[in-house]
Amino acid sequence: MTRAVDLLKNKFGVSQLYKHDVKQNDEIILTVYWHPLTIAEREAIQKKTGTEDTNDYALQMMIEKALDQDGARLFQDGDKASLRREVSASILEEIQIAMITVDKEVKEAKADLKSK
């Protein structure tokens, strides 16, 4: 019988890779890849932001987790101020929501597993 921890790691572990295409007029402008957010990463991001501001947390999460197709970070920590001031909030939120939604699906799956 498969252990629950192994089942979760296989289906929702950090080896999983997700992607989101940022489009403008049906043209792909940027493809963002990421691995699932772990509790340890979430705690580290919260400490790094040093605030309860969800916008700041979401932006920092995106900066740290967003990858290109080769697995390199798309953004550097120094990009934060520029992203905040010079990029449409709706585009940044679109990427952040895509990243968070995947993690929400994982949480729902864990809840389903607990209830069985």
N, C-alpha and C. Protein backbone atom coordinates (compact mmCIF):
# COMPACT_ATOMS: atom_id res chain seq x y z
N MET A 1 0.84 -1.19 0.00
CA MET A 1 0.00 0.00 0.00
C MET A 1 0.89 1.25 0.00
N THR A 2 0.52 2.21 -0.82
CA THR A 2 1.29 3.44 -0.94
C THR A 2 1.03 4.33 0.26
N ARG A 3 2.10 4.85 0.83
CA ARG A 3 1.98 5.78 1.96
C ARG A 3 1.45 7.11 1.44
N ALA A 4 0.69 7.79 2.29
CA ALA A 4 0.09 9.06 1.91
C ALA A 4 1.16 10.09 1.54
N VAL A 5 2.25 10.13 2.29
CA VAL A 5 3.30 11.10 2.00
C VAL A 5 3.90 10.85 0.62
N ASP A 6 4.07 9.60 0.25
CA ASP A 6 4.62 9.28 -1.06
C ASP A 6 3.62 9.63 -2.17
N LEU A 7 2.36 9.37 -1.92
CA LEU A 7 1.32 9.72 -2.88
C LEU A 7 1.31 11.22 -3.14
N LEU A 8 1.35 12.02 -2.07
CA LEU A 8 1.35 13.48 -2.22
C LEU A 8 2.62 13.98 -2.90
N LYS A 9 3.76 13.41 -2.54
CA LYS A 9 5.01 13.83 -3.17
C LYS A 9 5.01 13.51 -4.66
N ASN A 10 4.47 12.35 -5.03
CA ASN A 10 4.44 11.96 -6.44
C ASN A 10 3.49 12.82 -7.26
N LYS A 11 2.35 13.15 -6.69
CA LYS A 11 1.33 13.89 -7.45
C LYS A 11 1.45 15.40 -7.33
N PHE A 12 1.97 15.88 -6.18
CA PHE A 12 1.98 17.32 -5.93
C PHE A 12 3.33 17.81 -5.41
N GLY A 13 4.35 17.02 -5.56
CA GLY A 13 5.67 17.37 -5.02
C GLY A 13 6.37 18.45 -5.83
N VAL A 14 7.52 18.85 -5.32
CA VAL A 14 8.27 19.94 -5.93
C VAL A 14 8.83 19.58 -7.30
N SER A 15 8.75 18.32 -7.69
CA SER A 15 9.21 17.95 -9.03
C SER A 15 8.17 18.34 -10.09
N GLN A 16 6.94 18.61 -9.67
CA GLN A 16 5.89 19.02 -10.62
C GLN A 16 6.27 20.38 -11.19
N LEU A 17 5.93 20.59 -12.45
CA LEU A 17 6.21 21.87 -13.09
C LEU A 17 4.93 22.36 -13.75
N TYR A 18 4.57 23.60 -13.44
CA TYR A 18 3.37 24.20 -13.99
C TYR A 18 3.77 25.36 -14.89
N LYS A 19 2.85 25.77 -15.76
CA LYS A 19 3.16 26.91 -16.63
C LYS A 19 1.93 27.75 -16.88
N HIS A 20 2.19 29.01 -17.20
CA HIS A 20 1.13 29.96 -17.53
C HIS A 20 1.65 30.86 -18.65
N ASP A 21 0.83 31.03 -19.68
CA ASP A 21 1.18 31.92 -20.78
C ASP A 21 0.53 33.28 -20.56
N VAL A 22 1.34 34.33 -20.61
CA VAL A 22 0.83 35.69 -20.55
C VAL A 22 0.64 36.11 -22.01
N LYS A 23 -0.61 36.43 -22.36
CA LYS A 23 -0.94 36.74 -23.76
C LYS A 23 -1.42 38.16 -23.93
N GLN A 24 -1.20 38.67 -25.12
CA GLN A 24 -1.77 39.95 -25.54
C GLN A 24 -2.26 39.75 -26.97
N ASN A 25 -3.55 39.94 -27.17
CA ASN A 25 -4.16 39.73 -28.49
C ASN A 25 -3.80 38.35 -29.05
N ASP A 26 -3.95 37.33 -28.26
CA ASP A 26 -3.67 35.93 -28.63
C ASP A 26 -2.21 35.64 -28.93
N GLU A 27 -1.32 36.58 -28.67
CA GLU A 27 0.12 36.35 -28.84
C GLU A 27 0.72 36.09 -27.46
N ILE A 28 1.51 35.02 -27.37
CA ILE A 28 2.17 34.72 -26.10
C ILE A 28 3.35 35.67 -25.93
N ILE A 29 3.27 36.49 -24.90
CA ILE A 29 4.32 37.47 -24.60
C ILE A 29 5.38 36.84 -23.71
N LEU A 30 4.93 36.04 -22.75
CA LEU A 30 5.84 35.44 -21.78
C LEU A 30 5.22 34.15 -21.26
N THR A 31 6.02 33.11 -21.16
CA THR A 31 5.59 31.87 -20.53
C THR A 31 6.32 31.75 -19.21
N VAL A 32 5.55 31.58 -18.16
CA VAL A 32 6.10 31.48 -16.81
C VAL A 32 5.92 30.04 -16.34
N TYR A 33 7.00 29.48 -15.83
CA TYR A 33 6.98 28.13 -15.26
C TYR A 33 7.27 28.25 -13.77
N TRP A 34 6.81 27.28 -13.00
CA TRP A 34 7.12 27.25 -11.57
C TRP A 34 6.87 25.87 -11.00
N HIS A 35 7.56 25.61 -9.91
CA HIS A 35 7.32 24.41 -9.12
C HIS A 35 6.38 24.80 -7.98
N PRO A 36 5.64 23.85 -7.44
CA PRO A 36 4.70 24.19 -6.36
C PRO A 36 5.38 24.88 -5.19
N LEU A 37 4.64 25.75 -4.57
CA LEU A 37 5.11 26.46 -3.38
C LEU A 37 5.03 25.52 -2.18
N THR A 38 6.11 25.42 -1.45
CA THR A 38 6.10 24.58 -0.24
C THR A 38 5.84 25.46 0.99
N ILE A 39 5.51 24.84 2.08
CA ILE A 39 5.31 25.58 3.33
C ILE A 39 6.59 26.28 3.73
N ALA A 40 7.73 25.61 3.58
CA ALA A 40 9.01 26.21 3.93
C ALA A 40 9.27 27.46 3.09
N GLU A 41 8.98 27.39 1.79
CA GLU A 41 9.16 28.56 0.92
C GLU A 41 8.20 29.68 1.31
N ARG A 42 6.97 29.32 1.61
CA ARG A 42 5.99 30.34 2.00
C ARG A 42 6.46 31.07 3.25
N GLU A 43 6.95 30.32 4.23
CA GLU A 43 7.45 30.95 5.46
C GLU A 43 8.64 31.86 5.18
N ALA A 44 9.55 31.41 4.29
CA ALA A 44 10.73 32.22 3.95
C ALA A 44 10.32 33.51 3.24
N ILE A 45 9.34 33.42 2.36
CA ILE A 45 8.86 34.61 1.65
C ILE A 45 8.19 35.57 2.63
N GLN A 46 7.39 35.03 3.55
CA GLN A 46 6.75 35.89 4.55
C GLN A 46 7.78 36.61 5.40
N LYS A 47 8.85 35.91 5.79
CA LYS A 47 9.92 36.54 6.57
C LYS A 47 10.63 37.61 5.75
N LYS A 48 10.84 37.32 4.47
CA LYS A 48 11.55 38.25 3.60
C LYS A 48 10.75 39.53 3.39
N THR A 49 9.42 39.41 3.24
CA THR A 49 8.60 40.60 3.04
C THR A 49 8.47 41.38 4.33
N GLY A 50 8.46 40.68 5.46
CA GLY A 50 8.39 41.35 6.75
C GLY A 50 7.11 42.15 6.96
N THR A 51 6.06 41.76 6.27
CA THR A 51 4.80 42.48 6.37
C THR A 51 3.63 41.52 6.17
N GLU A 52 2.46 41.93 6.57
CA GLU A 52 1.25 41.13 6.36
C GLU A 52 0.56 41.52 5.04
N ASP A 53 1.17 42.40 4.26
CA ASP A 53 0.59 42.89 3.01
C ASP A 53 0.55 41.74 1.99
N THR A 54 -0.66 41.33 1.62
CA THR A 54 -0.80 40.21 0.69
C THR A 54 -0.28 40.55 -0.71
N ASN A 55 -0.39 41.81 -1.11
CA ASN A 55 0.14 42.21 -2.42
C ASN A 55 1.66 42.04 -2.46
N ASP A 56 2.31 42.46 -1.39
CA ASP A 56 3.77 42.35 -1.31
C ASP A 56 4.19 40.89 -1.28
N TYR A 57 3.46 40.08 -0.53
CA TYR A 57 3.76 38.65 -0.47
C TYR A 57 3.61 38.01 -1.85
N ALA A 58 2.49 38.30 -2.53
CA ALA A 58 2.23 37.69 -3.84
C ALA A 58 3.29 38.09 -4.85
N LEU A 59 3.71 39.35 -4.82
CA LEU A 59 4.74 39.81 -5.74
C LEU A 59 6.07 39.12 -5.43
N GLN A 60 6.43 39.02 -4.15
CA GLN A 60 7.68 38.36 -3.78
C GLN A 60 7.64 36.88 -4.16
N MET A 61 6.50 36.23 -3.98
CA MET A 61 6.36 34.83 -4.36
C MET A 61 6.60 34.67 -5.85
N MET A 62 5.99 35.54 -6.66
CA MET A 62 6.15 35.47 -8.10
C MET A 62 7.62 35.67 -8.49
N ILE A 63 8.25 36.65 -7.88
CA ILE A 63 9.66 36.93 -8.18
C ILE A 63 10.53 35.71 -7.88
N GLU A 64 10.28 35.07 -6.76
CA GLU A 64 11.12 33.94 -6.36
C GLU A 64 10.80 32.65 -7.09
N LYS A 65 9.55 32.45 -7.47
CA LYS A 65 9.15 31.16 -8.04
C LYS A 65 9.13 31.12 -9.57
N ALA A 66 8.97 32.25 -10.23
CA ALA A 66 8.82 32.27 -11.69
C ALA A 66 10.11 31.85 -12.38
N LEU A 67 10.00 30.89 -13.29
CA LEU A 67 11.14 30.35 -14.02
C LEU A 67 10.91 30.46 -15.52
N ASP A 68 12.02 30.40 -16.28
CA ASP A 68 11.88 30.30 -17.73
C ASP A 68 11.89 28.83 -18.11
N GLN A 69 11.84 28.53 -19.41
CA GLN A 69 11.73 27.13 -19.84
C GLN A 69 12.97 26.30 -19.50
N ASP A 70 14.09 26.97 -19.22
CA ASP A 70 15.31 26.26 -18.86
C ASP A 70 15.48 26.11 -17.34
N GLY A 71 14.51 26.64 -16.58
CA GLY A 71 14.57 26.52 -15.13
C GLY A 71 15.31 27.66 -14.44
N ALA A 72 15.66 28.71 -15.18
CA ALA A 72 16.32 29.87 -14.58
C ALA A 72 15.27 30.86 -14.10
N ARG A 73 15.58 31.57 -13.02
CA ARG A 73 14.63 32.56 -12.50
C ARG A 73 14.37 33.64 -13.55
N LEU A 74 13.11 34.00 -13.70
CA LEU A 74 12.74 35.08 -14.63
C LEU A 74 13.03 36.44 -14.03
N PHE A 75 12.88 36.56 -12.72
CA PHE A 75 13.04 37.85 -12.04
C PHE A 75 14.10 37.74 -10.96
N GLN A 76 14.71 38.87 -10.67
CA GLN A 76 15.66 38.96 -9.57
C GLN A 76 15.02 39.81 -8.48
N ASP A 77 15.53 39.69 -7.25
CA ASP A 77 14.97 40.46 -6.14
C ASP A 77 14.98 41.95 -6.45
N GLY A 78 15.98 42.41 -7.16
CA GLY A 78 16.09 43.83 -7.50
C GLY A 78 15.02 44.32 -8.46
N ASP A 79 14.27 43.39 -9.08
CA ASP A 79 13.21 43.76 -10.03
C ASP A 79 11.92 44.20 -9.33
N LYS A 80 11.84 43.98 -8.03
CA LYS A 80 10.59 44.20 -7.30
C LYS A 80 10.07 45.63 -7.44
N ALA A 81 10.93 46.60 -7.21
CA ALA A 81 10.49 48.01 -7.28
C ALA A 81 10.01 48.35 -8.69
N SER A 82 10.73 47.89 -9.68
CA SER A 82 10.36 48.17 -11.07
C SER A 82 9.02 47.51 -11.42
N LEU A 83 8.84 46.26 -11.01
CA LEU A 83 7.57 45.57 -11.26
C LEU A 83 6.42 46.31 -10.59
N ARG A 84 6.63 46.76 -9.36
CA ARG A 84 5.57 47.48 -8.62
C ARG A 84 5.17 48.78 -9.32
N ARG A 85 6.16 49.49 -9.85
CA ARG A 85 5.91 50.82 -10.40
C ARG A 85 5.61 50.84 -11.90
N GLU A 86 6.13 49.86 -12.64
CA GLU A 86 6.15 50.00 -14.09
C GLU A 86 5.39 48.93 -14.87
N VAL A 87 4.78 47.99 -14.20
CA VAL A 87 4.04 46.93 -14.88
C VAL A 87 2.60 46.94 -14.37
N SER A 88 1.67 46.77 -15.29
CA SER A 88 0.25 46.75 -14.94
C SER A 88 -0.03 45.72 -13.84
N ALA A 89 -0.72 46.17 -12.82
CA ALA A 89 -1.06 45.28 -11.70
C ALA A 89 -1.86 44.08 -12.19
N SER A 90 -2.72 44.26 -13.18
CA SER A 90 -3.56 43.16 -13.65
C SER A 90 -2.72 42.03 -14.26
N ILE A 91 -1.62 42.37 -14.93
CA ILE A 91 -0.76 41.34 -15.52
C ILE A 91 -0.02 40.58 -14.42
N LEU A 92 0.50 41.32 -13.45
CA LEU A 92 1.19 40.66 -12.34
C LEU A 92 0.23 39.78 -11.56
N GLU A 93 -0.99 40.27 -11.33
CA GLU A 93 -2.00 39.49 -10.61
C GLU A 93 -2.39 38.24 -11.39
N GLU A 94 -2.44 38.34 -12.71
CA GLU A 94 -2.77 37.18 -13.55
C GLU A 94 -1.76 36.05 -13.31
N ILE A 95 -0.48 36.41 -13.29
CA ILE A 95 0.57 35.41 -13.06
C ILE A 95 0.47 34.87 -11.64
N GLN A 96 0.30 35.75 -10.67
CA GLN A 96 0.23 35.34 -9.27
C GLN A 96 -0.97 34.43 -9.02
N ILE A 97 -2.11 34.77 -9.60
CA ILE A 97 -3.31 33.95 -9.42
C ILE A 97 -3.10 32.57 -10.02
N ALA A 98 -2.46 32.50 -11.19
CA ALA A 98 -2.18 31.19 -11.81
C ALA A 98 -1.32 30.35 -10.87
N MET A 99 -0.33 30.99 -10.25
CA MET A 99 0.57 30.26 -9.35
C MET A 99 -0.15 29.83 -8.07
N ILE A 100 -0.98 30.69 -7.53
CA ILE A 100 -1.69 30.40 -6.30
C ILE A 100 -2.80 29.37 -6.53
N THR A 101 -3.44 29.42 -7.67
CA THR A 101 -4.54 28.50 -7.97
C THR A 101 -4.06 27.07 -7.98
N VAL A 102 -2.88 26.83 -8.52
CA VAL A 102 -2.33 25.47 -8.51
C VAL A 102 -2.15 25.01 -7.09
N ASP A 103 -1.60 25.87 -6.23
CA ASP A 103 -1.41 25.50 -4.84
C ASP A 103 -2.74 25.27 -4.14
N LYS A 104 -3.78 26.01 -4.52
CA LYS A 104 -5.10 25.82 -3.94
C LYS A 104 -5.62 24.43 -4.30
N GLU A 105 -5.39 24.00 -5.54
CA GLU A 105 -5.82 22.67 -5.95
C GLU A 105 -5.12 21.60 -5.12
N VAL A 106 -3.86 21.81 -4.80
CA VAL A 106 -3.12 20.87 -3.97
C VAL A 106 -3.74 20.81 -2.58
N LYS A 107 -4.06 21.98 -2.00
CA LYS A 107 -4.67 22.00 -0.67
C LYS A 107 -6.01 21.27 -0.67
N GLU A 108 -6.80 21.48 -1.73
CA GLU A 108 -8.09 20.78 -1.81
C GLU A 108 -7.87 19.28 -1.90
N ALA A 109 -6.87 18.85 -2.65
CA ALA A 109 -6.58 17.43 -2.77
C ALA A 109 -6.16 16.85 -1.43
N LYS A 110 -5.36 17.61 -0.67
CA LYS A 110 -4.94 17.16 0.65
C LYS A 110 -6.15 17.04 1.57
N ALA A 111 -7.08 17.99 1.48
CA ALA A 111 -8.28 17.96 2.30
C ALA A 111 -9.11 16.73 1.94
N ASP A 112 -9.23 16.42 0.65
CA ASP A 112 -9.97 15.26 0.21
C ASP A 112 -9.31 13.97 0.76
N LEU A 113 -8.00 13.94 0.74
CA LEU A 113 -7.27 12.78 1.23
C LEU A 113 -7.52 12.59 2.72
N LYS A 114 -7.53 13.67 3.49
CA LYS A 114 -7.78 13.58 4.94
C LYS A 114 -9.17 13.05 5.25
N SER A 115 -10.12 13.41 4.41
CA SER A 115 -11.51 13.04 4.70
C SER A 115 -11.82 11.59 4.33
N LYS A 116 -10.88 10.90 3.73
CA LYS A 116 -11.15 9.51 3.32
C LYS A 116 -10.62 8.53 4.33
